[in-house]
């Protein structure tokens, strides 16, 4: 966990902007690993702009367990698709409050804007996903290196949820959530 031009706090987490970061791989430029305070990886997230990260509510909650998830909590993430792969602080800004998979979303915000250029995020209607394939990088079993899962998507159900079927050796399982 090193940083380029960043100041590290006592925890080893970068406390201020890490200028000079470069995207090392366009496929993983958006991927972040979400950590517990002890450094254990509990899932993934997706960088959507220079400060914001989307992940699953259950991933953010796992990072704080056994404490309950709350807004304004500080959460460590590692930016895996940039040079030096820094671990930085984020704040929990918002999350789904109701049970059910359709509310399993959390928004994290970095404490400072990154000076990196990531490809634009594509948000599309779930109805347009039927027949497409997916490929995601996640961290099953807390594997810090990450593993890829791939497969096929089906059209959304009545709640707007998209079914994912495995197409490779690795299923979507714990640690890949949030990717």
Foldseek 3Di string as FASTA:
>chain_A
DDAAPFDADPLRAGDDERAPKEFQDLQQQFKKFWAASVRQTFAIWGHQFQWKIKFFQVRQQVSDPPPGDDFQDWTWIFRPRIPPRGIHIWTWHDFFDDDDPLRGMTMITGPDGYPYDHDHDDDDQLQVQAFHKDKAWWQPPSNPVTDIWMAGWHGADPSRDIDGDGDDDDDDDTGHGND
